[in-house]
PDB file of N, CA and C in Angstrom:
ATOM      1  N   UNK A   1       0.845  -1.171  -0.024  1.00  0.00           N
ATOM      2  CA  UNK A   1      -0.001  -0.023  -0.005  1.00  0.00           C
ATOM      3  C   UNK A   1       0.851   1.262  -0.010  1.00  0.00           C
ATOM      4  N   UNK A   2       2.020   1.220   0.746  1.00  0.00           N
ATOM      5  CA  UNK A   2       2.858   2.333   0.739  1.00  0.00           C
ATOM      6  C   UNK A   2       3.489   2.583  -0.604  1.00  0.00           C
ATOM      7  N   UNK A   3       3.743   1.503  -1.355  1.00  0.00           N
ATOM      8  CA  UNK A   3       4.285   1.685  -2.668  1.00  0.00           C
ATOM      9  C   UNK A   3       3.309   2.356  -3.595  1.00  0.00           C
ATOM     10  N   UNK A   4       2.006   2.074  -3.469  1.00  0.00           N
ATOM     11  CA  UNK A   4       0.990   2.617  -4.280  1.00  0.00           C
ATOM     12  C   UNK A   4       0.863   4.145  -3.962  1.00  0.00           C
ATOM     13  N   UNK A   5       0.962   4.521  -2.690  1.00  0.00           N
ATOM     14  CA  UNK A   5       0.904   5.941  -2.342  1.00  0.00           C
ATOM     15  C   UNK A   5       2.135   6.648  -2.848  1.00  0.00           C
ATOM     16  N   UNK A   6       3.277   5.970  -2.871  1.00  0.00           N
ATOM     17  CA  UNK A   6       4.518   6.589  -3.371  1.00  0.00           C
ATOM     18  C   UNK A   6       4.392   6.891  -4.821  1.00  0.00           C
ATOM     19  N   UNK A   7       3.856   5.960  -5.605  1.00  0.00           N
ATOM     20  CA  UNK A   7       3.630   6.129  -7.022  1.00  0.00           C
ATOM     21  C   UNK A   7       2.601   7.244  -7.248  1.00  0.00           C
ATOM     22  N   UNK A   8       1.536   7.294  -6.520  1.00  0.00           N
ATOM     23  CA  UNK A   8       0.562   8.251  -6.674  1.00  0.00           C
ATOM     24  C   UNK A   8       1.127   9.683  -6.383  1.00  0.00           C
ATOM     25  N   UNK A   9       1.883   9.794  -5.311  1.00  0.00           N
ATOM     26  CA  UNK A   9       2.572  11.034  -4.972  1.00  0.00           C
ATOM     27  C   UNK A   9       3.542  11.491  -6.085  1.00  0.00           C
ATOM     28  N   UNK A  10       4.258  10.555  -6.644  1.00  0.00           N
ATOM     29  CA  UNK A  10       5.192  10.875  -7.697  1.00  0.00           C
ATOM     30  C   UNK A  10       4.377  11.366  -8.958  1.00  0.00           C
ATOM     31  N   UNK A  11       3.282  10.757  -9.231  1.00  0.00           N
ATOM     32  CA  UNK A  11       2.483  11.178 -10.337  1.00  0.00           C
ATOM     33  C   UNK A  11       1.894  12.573 -10.172  1.00  0.00           C
ATOM     34  N   UNK A  12       1.414  12.850  -8.973  1.00  0.00           N
ATOM     35  CA  UNK A  12       0.848  14.154  -8.699  1.00  0.00           C
ATOM     36  C   UNK A  12       1.980  15.187  -8.752  1.00  0.00           C
ATOM     37  N   UNK A  13       3.114  14.873  -8.213  1.00  0.00           N
ATOM     38  CA  UNK A  13       4.284  15.785  -8.280  1.00  0.00           C
ATOM     39  C   UNK A  13       4.678  16.066  -9.704  1.00  0.00           C
ATOM     40  N   UNK A  14       4.706  15.069 -10.506  1.00  0.00           N
ATOM     41  CA  UNK A  14       5.077  15.226 -11.910  1.00  0.00           C
ATOM     42  C   UNK A  14       4.095  16.122 -12.640  1.00  0.00           C
ATOM     43  N   UNK A  15       2.798  15.933 -12.467  1.00  0.00           N
ATOM     44  CA  UNK A  15       1.765  16.813 -13.120  1.00  0.00           C
ATOM     45  C   UNK A  15       1.901  18.235 -12.647  1.00  0.00           C
ATOM     46  N   UNK A  16       2.143  18.462 -11.324  1.00  0.00           N
ATOM     47  CA  UNK A  16       2.269  19.828 -10.835  1.00  0.00           C
ATOM     48  C   UNK A  16       3.506  20.477 -11.471  1.00  0.00           C
ATOM     49  N   UNK A  17       4.602  19.756 -11.561  1.00  0.00           N
ATOM     50  CA  UNK A  17       5.834  20.342 -12.094  1.00  0.00           C
ATOM     51  C   UNK A  17       5.674  20.592 -13.590  1.00  0.00           C
ATOM     52  N   UNK A  18       5.000  19.665 -14.265  1.00  0.00           N
ATOM     53  CA  UNK A  18       4.784  19.832 -15.728  1.00  0.00           C
ATOM     54  C   UNK A  18       3.889  21.100 -15.983  1.00  0.00           C
ATOM     55  N   UNK A  19       2.957  21.333 -15.106  1.00  0.00           N
ATOM     56  CA  UNK A  19       2.015  22.466 -15.249  1.00  0.00           C
ATOM     57  C   UNK A  19       2.827  23.792 -15.048  1.00  0.00           C
ATOM     58  N   UNK A  20       3.726  23.756 -14.061  1.00  0.00           N
ATOM     59  CA  UNK A  20       4.534  24.914 -13.848  1.00  0.00           C
ATOM     60  C   UNK A  20       5.427  25.232 -15.031  1.00  0.00           C
ATOM     61  N   UNK A  21       6.020  24.186 -15.602  1.00  0.00           N
ATOM     62  CA  UNK A  21       6.827  24.360 -16.799  1.00  0.00           C
ATOM     63  C   UNK A  21       6.047  24.904 -17.982  1.00  0.00           C
ATOM     64  N   UNK A  22       4.834  24.331 -18.150  1.00  0.00           N
ATOM     65  CA  UNK A  22       4.019  24.803 -19.291  1.00  0.00           C
ATOM     66  C   UNK A  22       3.588  26.285 -19.136  1.00  0.00           C
ATOM     67  N   UNK A  23       3.529  26.797 -17.908  1.00  0.00           N
ATOM     68  CA  UNK A  23       3.191  28.171 -17.758  1.00  0.00           C
ATOM     69  C   UNK A  23       4.424  29.062 -18.135  1.00  0.00           C
ATOM     70  N   UNK A  24       5.569  28.518 -18.267  1.00  0.00           N
ATOM     71  CA  UNK A  24       6.770  29.312 -18.625  1.00  0.00           C
ATOM     72  C   UNK A  24       6.987  29.360 -20.124  1.00  0.00           C
ATOM     73  N   UNK A  25       6.188  28.521 -20.917  1.00  0.00           N
ATOM     74  CA  UNK A  25       6.392  28.424 -22.301  1.00  0.00           C
ATOM     75  C   UNK A  25       5.923  29.719 -22.982  1.00  0.00           C
ATOM     76  N   UNK A  26       6.763  30.162 -23.985  1.00  0.00           N
ATOM     77  CA  UNK A  26       6.365  31.390 -24.776  1.00  0.00           C
ATOM     78  C   UNK A  26       5.775  30.931 -26.074  1.00  0.00           C
ATOM     79  N   UNK A  27       4.561  31.321 -26.363  1.00  0.00           N
ATOM     80  CA  UNK A  27       3.940  30.989 -27.576  1.00  0.00           C
ATOM     81  C   UNK A  27       4.000  32.251 -28.526  1.00  0.00           C
ATOM     82  N   UNK A  28       4.595  32.100 -29.670  1.00  0.00           N
ATOM     83  CA  UNK A  28       4.666  33.301 -30.582  1.00  0.00           C
ATOM     84  C   UNK A  28       3.357  33.690 -31.122  1.00  0.00           C
ATOM     85  N   UNK A  29       3.272  34.947 -31.454  1.00  0.00           N
ATOM     86  CA  UNK A  29       2.032  35.496 -32.109  1.00  0.00           C
ATOM     87  C   UNK A  29       1.912  34.980 -33.523  1.00  0.00           C
ATOM     88  N   UNK A  30       0.705  35.082 -34.044  1.00  0.00           N
ATOM     89  CA  UNK A  30       0.510  34.632 -35.464  1.00  0.00           C
ATOM     90  C   UNK A  30       1.461  35.367 -36.466  1.00  0.00           C
ATOM     91  N   UNK A  31       1.721  36.664 -36.175  1.00  0.00           N
ATOM     92  CA  UNK A  31       2.583  37.449 -37.027  1.00  0.00           C
ATOM     93  C   UNK A  31       4.015  36.883 -36.923  1.00  0.00           C
ATOM     94  N   UNK A  32       4.476  36.593 -35.773  1.00  0.00           N
ATOM     95  CA  UNK A  32       5.815  36.001 -35.598  1.00  0.00           C
ATOM     96  C   UNK A  32       5.989  34.662 -36.241  1.00  0.00           C
ATOM     97  N   UNK A  33       4.820  33.872 -36.156  1.00  0.00           N
ATOM     98  CA  UNK A  33       4.871  32.547 -36.804  1.00  0.00           C
ATOM     99  C   UNK A  33       4.991  32.651 -38.305  1.00  0.00           C
ATOM    100  N   UNK A  34       4.206  33.581 -38.881  1.00  0.00           N
ATOM    101  CA  UNK A  34       4.249  33.751 -40.333  1.00  0.00           C
ATOM    102  C   UNK A  34       5.624  34.240 -40.767  1.00  0.00           C
ATOM    103  N   UNK A  35       6.222  35.168 -40.012  1.00  0.00           N
ATOM    104  CA  UNK A  35       7.542  35.669 -40.357  1.00  0.00           C
ATOM    105  C   UNK A  35       8.610  34.548 -40.314  1.00  0.00           C
ATOM    106  N   UNK A  36       8.506  33.734 -39.313  1.00  0.00           N
ATOM    107  CA  UNK A  36       9.497  32.643 -39.182  1.00  0.00           C
ATOM    108  C   UNK A  36       9.262  31.639 -40.311  1.00  0.00           C
ATOM    109  N   UNK A  37       8.048  31.379 -40.662  1.00  0.00           N
ATOM    110  CA  UNK A  37       7.791  30.429 -41.777  1.00  0.00           C
ATOM    111  C   UNK A  37       8.306  30.955 -43.087  1.00  0.00           C
ATOM    112  N   UNK A  38       8.144  32.232 -43.331  1.00  0.00           N
ATOM    113  CA  UNK A  38       8.630  32.843 -44.556  1.00  0.00           C
ATOM    114  C   UNK A  38      10.212  32.712 -44.590  1.00  0.00           C
ATOM    115  N   UNK A  39      10.853  32.970 -43.493  1.00  0.00           N
ATOM    116  CA  UNK A  39      12.316  32.866 -43.396  1.00  0.00           C
ATOM    117  C   UNK A  39      12.744  31.421 -43.712  1.00  0.00           C
ATOM    118  N   UNK A  40      12.053  30.447 -43.141  1.00  0.00           N
ATOM    119  CA  UNK A  40      12.364  29.003 -43.310  1.00  0.00           C
ATOM    120  C   UNK A  40      12.215  28.628 -44.780  1.00  0.00           C
ATOM    121  N   UNK A  41      11.079  29.058 -45.351  1.00  0.00           N
ATOM    122  CA  UNK A  41      10.788  28.712 -46.806  1.00  0.00           C
ATOM    123  C   UNK A  41      11.884  29.345 -47.720  1.00  0.00           C
ATOM    124  N   UNK A  42      12.188  30.608 -47.432  1.00  0.00           N
ATOM    125  CA  UNK A  42      13.180  31.318 -48.333  1.00  0.00           C
ATOM    126  C   UNK A  42      14.538  30.693 -48.197  1.00  0.00           C
ATOM    127  N   UNK A  43      14.967  30.374 -46.963  1.00  0.00           N
ATOM    128  CA  UNK A  43      16.270  29.772 -46.770  1.00  0.00           C
ATOM    129  C   UNK A  43      16.303  28.332 -47.367  1.00  0.00           C
ATOM    130  N   UNK A  44      15.229  27.603 -47.278  1.00  0.00           N
ATOM    131  CA  UNK A  44      15.127  26.287 -47.943  1.00  0.00           C
ATOM    132  C   UNK A  44      15.265  26.393 -49.436  1.00  0.00           C
ATOM    133  N   UNK A  45      14.651  27.411 -49.954  1.00  0.00           N
ATOM    134  CA  UNK A  45      14.806  27.607 -51.441  1.00  0.00           C
ATOM    135  C   UNK A  45      16.140  27.935 -51.818  1.00  0.00           C
ATOM    136  N   UNK A  46      16.786  28.865 -51.054  1.00  0.00           N
ATOM    137  CA  UNK A  46      18.189  29.252 -51.387  1.00  0.00           C
ATOM    138  C   UNK A  46      19.121  28.088 -51.259  1.00  0.00           C
ATOM    139  N   UNK A  47      18.969  27.248 -50.243  1.00  0.00           N
ATOM    140  CA  UNK A  47      19.857  26.078 -50.083  1.00  0.00           C
ATOM    141  C   UNK A  47      19.629  25.063 -51.187  1.00  0.00           C
ATOM    142  N   UNK A  48      18.362  24.868 -51.624  1.00  0.00           N
ATOM    143  CA  UNK A  48      18.025  23.931 -52.672  1.00  0.00           C
ATOM    144  C   UNK A  48      18.704  24.436 -53.959  1.00  0.00           C
ATOM    145  N   UNK A  49      18.636  25.691 -54.219  1.00  0.00           N
ATOM    146  CA  UNK A  49      19.269  26.204 -55.385  1.00  0.00           C
ATOM    147  C   UNK A  49      20.748  26.074 -55.391  1.00  0.00           C
ATOM    148  N   UNK A  50      21.382  26.368 -54.227  1.00  0.00           N
ATOM    149  CA  UNK A  50      22.840  26.212 -54.013  1.00  0.00           C
ATOM    150  C   UNK A  50      23.263  24.816 -54.273  1.00  0.00           C
ATOM    151  N   UNK A  51      22.558  23.836 -53.612  1.00  0.00           N
ATOM    152  CA  UNK A  51      22.945  22.442 -53.721  1.00  0.00           C
ATOM    153  C   UNK A  51      22.695  21.913 -55.100  1.00  0.00           C
ATOM    154  N   UNK A  52      21.623  22.434 -55.788  1.00  0.00           N
ATOM    155  CA  UNK A  52      21.358  22.056 -57.128  1.00  0.00           C
ATOM    156  C   UNK A  52      22.503  22.463 -58.068  1.00  0.00           C
ATOM    157  N   UNK A  53      22.949  23.706 -57.895  1.00  0.00           N
ATOM    158  CA  UNK A  53      24.046  24.233 -58.708  1.00  0.00           C
ATOM    159  C   UNK A  53      25.413  23.399 -58.492  1.00  0.00           C
ATOM    160  N   UNK A  54      25.630  23.115 -57.228  1.00  0.00           N
ATOM    161  CA  UNK A  54      26.847  22.318 -56.889  1.00  0.00           C
ATOM    162  C   UNK A  54      26.710  20.929 -57.544  1.00  0.00           C
ATOM    163  N   UNK A  55      25.506  20.294 -57.454  1.00  0.00           N
ATOM    164  CA  UNK A  55      25.345  19.025 -58.029  1.00  0.00           C
ATOM    165  C   UNK A  55      25.457  19.064 -59.575  1.00  0.00           C
ATOM    166  N   UNK A  56      24.948  20.123 -60.152  1.00  0.00           N
ATOM    167  CA  UNK A  56      25.066  20.201 -61.621  1.00  0.00           C
ATOM    168  C   UNK A  56      26.559  20.381 -62.022  1.00  0.00           C
ATOM    169  N   UNK A  57      27.263  21.150 -61.286  1.00  0.00           N
ATOM    170  CA  UNK A  57      28.699  21.335 -61.554  1.00  0.00           C
ATOM    171  C   UNK A  57      29.493  20.016 -61.361  1.00  0.00           C
ATOM    172  N   UNK A  58      29.163  19.362 -60.277  1.00  0.00           N
ATOM    173  CA  UNK A  58      29.895  18.134 -59.997  1.00  0.00           C
ATOM    174  C   UNK A  58      29.607  17.046 -61.087  1.00  0.00           C
ATOM    175  N   UNK A  59      28.359  16.983 -61.494  1.00  0.00           N
ATOM    176  CA  UNK A  59      27.905  16.028 -62.518  1.00  0.00           C
ATOM    177  C   UNK A  59      28.701  16.314 -63.832  1.00  0.00           C
ATOM    178  N   UNK A  60      28.803  17.583 -64.194  1.00  0.00           N
ATOM    179  CA  UNK A  60      29.496  17.908 -65.430  1.00  0.00           C
ATOM    180  C   UNK A  60      30.956  17.585 -65.359  1.00  0.00           C
ATOM    181  N   UNK A  61      31.581  17.847 -64.192  1.00  0.00           N
ATOM    182  CA  UNK A  61      32.985  17.501 -64.005  1.00  0.00           C
ATOM    183  C   UNK A  61      33.204  15.983 -64.118  1.00  0.00           C
ATOM    184  N   UNK A  62      32.357  15.197 -63.473  1.00  0.00           N
ATOM    185  CA  UNK A  62      32.472  13.750 -63.521  1.00  0.00           C
ATOM    186  C   UNK A  62      32.250  13.213 -64.964  1.00  0.00           C
ATOM    187  N   UNK A  63      31.270  13.810 -65.660  1.00  0.00           N
ATOM    188  CA  UNK A  63      31.064  13.333 -67.083  1.00  0.00           C
ATOM    189  C   UNK A  63      32.251  13.695 -67.923  1.00  0.00           C
ATOM    190  N   UNK A  64      32.797  14.863 -67.724  1.00  0.00           N
ATOM    191  CA  UNK A  64      33.987  15.289 -68.501  1.00  0.00           C
ATOM    192  C   UNK A  64      35.173  14.380 -68.235  1.00  0.00           C
ATOM    193  N   UNK A  65      35.370  13.954 -66.983  1.00  0.00           N
ATOM    194  CA  UNK A  65      36.392  13.042 -66.612  1.00  0.00           C
ATOM    195  C   UNK A  65      36.247  11.665 -67.192  1.00  0.00           C
ATOM    196  N   UNK A  66      34.998  11.213 -67.296  1.00  0.00           N
ATOM    197  CA  UNK A  66      34.711   9.891 -67.695  1.00  0.00           C
ATOM    198  C   UNK A  66      34.610   9.761 -69.216  1.00  0.00           C
ATOM    199  N   UNK A  67      34.422  10.855 -69.934  1.00  0.00           N
ATOM    200  CA  UNK A  67      34.336  10.733 -71.371  1.00  0.00           C
ATOM    201  C   UNK A  67      35.615  10.951 -72.107  1.00  0.00           C
TER     202      UNK A  67
END
C-alpha cells in the first residue's frame, strides 16, 4: 500500500511540475509565426538552389572526366 501511495505522490508531483513548466512556455504570435515560416521557406529555397548548382557542376565534372 505504501508503494501505491508513493507512485501516486510521484504522479501528482510530476503533473504539478509539468504544469509549472507549461506556464513558462512562450507562444509566438501569429505574425511572428508567419515571419518565421517565410524565413524558413526562403532559406530552404536558397539552399536547394545552391545544392542544385553544386550538383550540376559536380555532374558535369564527372562526365567530362569519364568521357
